[in-house]
């Protein structure tokens, strides 16, 4: 089913022409360390984290138009000025609009786990993605990843120690003790049912050799094919003359 597009008329929503014209670091009133939330849902986690870290600017992205709209409404209701929202695919945004070593933090909370074995290659957090993210995290930058799906947690726990440049910040590969990590309404629902959230917290090493800071490039994936279809659908049609 094709999602009905809703026009988003919000001062916190950024479209690609503005992003191209200004650059991602200049879409805020003030320059501050830049953080990225990938898959913001309806913005519940985002407004909590942005409120407790006013010294950072936050870019929130989602591929779903309706989620972006709800996030914008939530941000406007809070009056927070350090958040901007975009409809974008994470790998596309990183490759095209995020400068190298510029992100103070990246958050990914409960992404699609693609539970069927034949679909697991579609999971966002894989080796190639972690290598890409390493190039865009600032030295010492934070990487937080939370999932409600145990198999996804085990997969990422197996991959991360083999990707050079990530330093674990917890005693174990991941923890179910969330501490003061903000909990979204979606995460809270699982916790209330007794289902744990598996939280990863890593930081990028301060010094990395140049070969580890070369982006691996875009790999053809499910979400990128979706983006290509969207671009074709929105491309102006030619009108035949005569």
Protein backbone atom coordinates (compact mmCIF):
# COMPACT_ATOMS: atom_id res chain seq x y z
CA UNK A 1 0.00 0.00 0.00
CA UNK A 2 1.36 3.43 -0.96
CA UNK A 3 1.50 5.90 1.90
CA UNK A 4 -0.55 9.04 1.34
CA UNK A 5 1.78 12.02 1.31
CA UNK A 6 0.90 14.78 3.76
CA UNK A 7 2.46 18.16 3.17
CA UNK A 8 4.52 19.21 6.19
CA UNK A 9 4.40 22.94 6.80
CA UNK A 10 6.58 23.25 9.88
CA UNK A 11 9.50 25.56 10.70
CA UNK A 12 11.46 22.58 12.05
CA UNK A 13 11.08 20.48 8.89
CA UNK A 14 13.98 20.67 6.42
CA UNK A 15 13.65 19.75 2.76
CA UNK A 16 16.50 18.66 0.52
CA UNK A 17 16.89 22.00 -1.37
CA UNK A 18 17.45 23.83 1.93
CA UNK A 19 19.85 21.12 3.07
CA UNK A 20 21.83 21.43 -0.16
CA UNK A 21 21.91 25.22 0.01
CA UNK A 22 22.92 25.61 3.66
CA UNK A 23 24.65 22.37 4.65
CA UNK A 24 23.47 20.26 7.56
CA UNK A 25 25.48 22.16 10.18
CA UNK A 26 23.90 25.50 9.19
CA UNK A 27 20.20 24.65 9.40
CA UNK A 28 20.10 25.68 13.08
CA UNK A 29 20.13 29.18 14.58
CA UNK A 30 23.39 28.42 16.40
CA UNK A 31 26.30 26.10 15.67
CA UNK A 32 26.63 23.38 18.30
CA UNK A 33 27.77 19.74 18.35
CA UNK A 34 25.53 17.80 15.98
CA UNK A 35 23.62 14.63 16.89
CA UNK A 36 21.54 12.40 14.61
CA UNK A 37 18.58 10.18 15.45
CA UNK A 38 17.89 7.59 12.77
CA UNK A 39 14.25 6.51 12.75
CA UNK A 40 12.64 9.12 14.99
CA UNK A 41 9.15 7.56 14.90
CA UNK A 42 6.84 10.17 16.40
CA UNK A 43 9.60 12.07 18.21
CA UNK A 44 8.98 10.81 21.76
CA UNK A 45 12.60 9.86 22.48
CA UNK A 46 13.97 12.83 20.59
CA UNK A 47 12.30 15.59 22.59
CA UNK A 48 13.44 14.01 25.86
CA UNK A 49 17.07 13.76 24.76
CA UNK A 50 17.16 17.21 23.14
CA UNK A 51 15.67 18.77 26.29
CA UNK A 52 18.34 17.26 28.54
CA UNK A 53 21.17 18.13 26.13
CA UNK A 54 20.48 21.76 25.12
CA UNK A 55 24.14 22.18 24.21
CA UNK A 56 23.65 19.88 21.16
CA UNK A 57 21.71 20.28 17.93
CA UNK A 58 19.64 17.27 16.85
CA UNK A 59 18.72 16.11 13.36
CA UNK A 60 15.91 13.56 13.35
CA UNK A 61 15.21 11.49 10.26
CA UNK A 62 12.58 8.96 9.28
CA UNK A 63 11.52 7.47 5.99
CA UNK A 64 7.84 7.77 6.85
CA UNK A 65 6.10 11.03 6.06
CA UNK A 66 3.46 10.64 8.78
CA UNK A 67 6.11 10.02 11.44
CA UNK A 68 7.98 13.15 10.37
CA UNK A 69 4.78 15.17 10.64
CA UNK A 70 4.04 13.87 14.15
CA UNK A 71 7.61 14.53 15.21
CA UNK A 72 7.41 18.11 13.93
CA UNK A 73 4.16 18.67 15.84
CA UNK A 74 5.70 17.27 19.02
CA UNK A 75 8.83 19.41 18.66
CA UNK A 76 6.80 22.57 18.06
CA UNK A 77 4.65 21.82 21.12
CA UNK A 78 7.77 21.66 23.33
CA UNK A 79 9.27 24.90 21.99
CA UNK A 80 12.68 23.25 21.59
CA UNK A 81 14.87 25.10 19.09
CA UNK A 82 17.70 22.55 18.81
CA UNK A 83 15.82 20.01 16.66
CA UNK A 84 15.32 19.73 12.89
CA UNK A 85 13.39 16.96 11.16
CA UNK A 86 13.95 15.45 7.71
CA UNK A 87 12.40 12.69 5.65
CA UNK A 88 15.52 10.82 4.59
CA UNK A 89 17.18 7.42 4.36
CA UNK A 90 20.10 7.15 6.77
CA UNK A 91 22.80 5.87 4.42
CA UNK A 92 21.82 8.35 1.71
CA UNK A 93 21.97 11.25 4.16
CA UNK A 94 25.35 10.20 5.58
CA UNK A 95 26.91 9.74 2.15
CA UNK A 96 25.60 12.96 0.63
CA UNK A 97 25.06 15.56 3.35
CA UNK A 98 26.92 14.75 6.57
CA UNK A 99 30.55 15.97 6.67
CA UNK A 100 33.24 13.51 7.77
CA UNK A 101 33.83 13.22 11.51
CA UNK A 102 31.07 15.72 12.34
CA UNK A 103 28.56 13.84 14.51
CA UNK A 104 28.81 14.06 18.28
CA UNK A 105 26.28 11.25 18.64
CA UNK A 106 24.07 8.87 16.68
CA UNK A 107 20.97 7.20 18.11
CA UNK A 108 19.07 4.26 16.62
CA UNK A 109 16.13 3.03 18.67
CA UNK A 110 14.18 -0.12 17.89
CA UNK A 111 14.60 -0.20 14.10
CA UNK A 112 12.77 -2.75 11.98
CA UNK A 113 14.28 -6.09 13.11
CA UNK A 114 13.37 -7.96 9.91
CA UNK A 115 12.78 -11.10 11.99
CA UNK A 116 12.60 -13.62 9.16
CA UNK A 117 15.96 -15.22 8.48
CA UNK A 118 15.76 -14.57 4.73
CA UNK A 119 15.24 -10.85 5.39
CA UNK A 120 18.04 -10.23 7.90
CA UNK A 121 20.28 -8.73 5.24
CA UNK A 122 17.84 -5.81 5.22
CA UNK A 123 18.69 -4.81 8.78
CA UNK A 124 20.15 -1.33 8.94
CA UNK A 125 22.87 -1.99 11.52
CA UNK A 126 25.34 -4.29 9.80
CA UNK A 127 29.09 -4.24 9.15
CA UNK A 128 28.92 -1.89 6.16
CA UNK A 129 26.71 0.56 8.02
CA UNK A 130 29.00 0.58 11.07
CA UNK A 131 31.99 1.26 8.81
CA UNK A 132 30.09 4.14 7.21
CA UNK A 133 29.05 5.53 10.57
CA UNK A 134 32.64 5.38 11.83
CA UNK A 135 33.61 7.88 9.11
CA UNK A 136 30.98 10.41 10.20
CA UNK A 137 31.26 10.16 13.97
CA UNK A 138 33.51 12.79 15.50
CA UNK A 139 36.50 11.57 17.51
CA UNK A 140 35.00 10.34 20.76
CA UNK A 141 31.49 10.51 19.26
CA UNK A 142 28.77 8.37 20.85
CA UNK A 143 26.86 5.53 19.18
CA UNK A 144 23.72 4.34 20.93
CA UNK A 145 21.67 1.44 19.54
CA UNK A 146 18.60 -0.03 21.24
CA UNK A 147 16.52 -2.97 20.10
CA UNK A 148 13.65 -4.93 21.57
CA UNK A 149 14.61 -7.94 19.42
CA UNK A 150 17.10 -10.32 21.08
CA UNK A 151 18.32 -11.84 17.82
CA UNK A 152 19.16 -8.39 16.43
CA UNK A 153 21.07 -7.58 19.62
CA UNK A 154 23.08 -10.80 19.35
CA UNK A 155 23.90 -10.09 15.71
CA UNK A 156 25.17 -6.57 16.44
CA UNK A 157 27.05 -7.84 19.51
CA UNK A 158 28.90 -10.29 17.24
CA UNK A 159 29.73 -7.65 14.60
CA UNK A 160 30.80 -4.62 16.67
CA UNK A 161 33.97 -6.11 18.22
CA UNK A 162 35.22 -6.91 14.73
CA UNK A 163 34.76 -3.36 13.41
CA UNK A 164 37.86 -1.37 14.36
CA UNK A 165 37.40 2.05 15.91
CA UNK A 166 34.47 1.43 18.29
CA UNK A 167 35.10 1.42 22.04
CA UNK A 168 32.53 -0.22 24.30
CA UNK A 169 31.20 1.92 27.16
CA UNK A 170 29.45 -0.87 29.08
CA UNK A 171 30.84 -3.88 30.93
CA UNK A 172 29.07 -6.28 28.57
CA UNK A 173 28.42 -5.99 24.81
CA UNK A 174 24.97 -4.61 25.61
CA UNK A 175 22.86 -4.03 28.68
CA UNK A 176 19.19 -4.22 29.62
CA UNK A 177 19.72 -1.64 32.37
CA UNK A 178 18.73 1.55 30.58
CA UNK A 179 19.74 3.86 33.43
CA UNK A 180 18.83 7.44 32.48
CA UNK A 181 18.50 6.65 28.76
CA UNK A 182 15.18 8.20 27.61
CA UNK A 183 12.42 5.68 27.02
CA UNK A 184 9.96 6.25 24.19
CA UNK A 185 6.31 5.25 24.32
CA UNK A 186 7.13 2.34 21.99
CA UNK A 187 9.96 1.12 24.24
CA UNK A 188 7.83 1.59 27.36
CA UNK A 189 5.16 -0.71 25.98
CA UNK A 190 7.65 -3.57 25.70
CA UNK A 191 9.12 -2.87 29.15
CA UNK A 192 5.67 -2.94 30.74
CA UNK A 193 5.11 -6.37 29.18
CA UNK A 194 8.33 -7.62 30.74
CA UNK A 195 10.24 -7.64 27.44
CA UNK A 196 13.73 -6.12 27.82
CA UNK A 197 15.29 -3.44 25.65
CA UNK A 198 18.88 -4.25 24.67
CA UNK A 199 21.03 -1.11 24.73
CA UNK A 200 24.46 -0.66 23.15
CA UNK A 201 26.70 2.30 23.95
CA UNK A 202 30.01 2.69 22.11
CA UNK A 203 32.28 5.64 21.36
CA UNK A 204 34.46 6.22 18.34
CA UNK A 205 38.19 6.09 19.00
CA UNK A 206 39.90 9.48 19.11
CA UNK A 207 42.59 8.65 16.55
CA UNK A 208 41.97 6.46 13.52
CA UNK A 209 44.18 5.76 10.52
CA UNK A 210 43.11 7.33 7.23
CA UNK A 211 42.08 4.00 5.71
CA UNK A 212 39.38 3.59 8.38
CA UNK A 213 37.91 6.99 7.55
CA UNK A 214 37.16 6.18 3.93
CA UNK A 215 33.40 5.58 3.46
CA UNK A 216 32.53 2.14 2.08
CA UNK A 217 29.99 3.66 -0.32
CA UNK A 218 26.33 2.88 -0.79
CA UNK A 219 25.34 -0.75 -0.98
CA UNK A 220 22.16 -1.57 -2.88
CA UNK A 221 19.62 -2.26 -0.15
CA UNK A 222 15.89 -2.44 0.37
CA UNK A 223 15.56 1.10 1.68
CA UNK A 224 17.72 2.53 -1.07
CA UNK A 225 15.59 0.83 -3.71
CA UNK A 226 12.57 2.42 -2.00
CA UNK A 227 14.29 5.81 -2.21
CA UNK A 228 15.03 5.35 -5.91
CA UNK A 229 11.35 4.59 -6.55
CA UNK A 230 10.35 7.70 -4.58
CA UNK A 231 12.72 9.86 -6.64
CA UNK A 232 11.38 8.47 -9.91
CA UNK A 233 7.81 9.02 -8.74
CA UNK A 234 8.52 12.66 -7.85
CA UNK A 235 10.50 13.44 -11.01
CA UNK A 236 8.77 15.97 -13.32
CA UNK A 237 7.20 14.27 -16.33
CA UNK A 238 8.14 15.29 -19.84
CA UNK A 239 5.37 16.64 -22.01
CA UNK A 240 5.54 15.58 -25.63
CA UNK A 241 5.23 18.39 -28.11
CA UNK A 242 3.21 18.21 -31.31
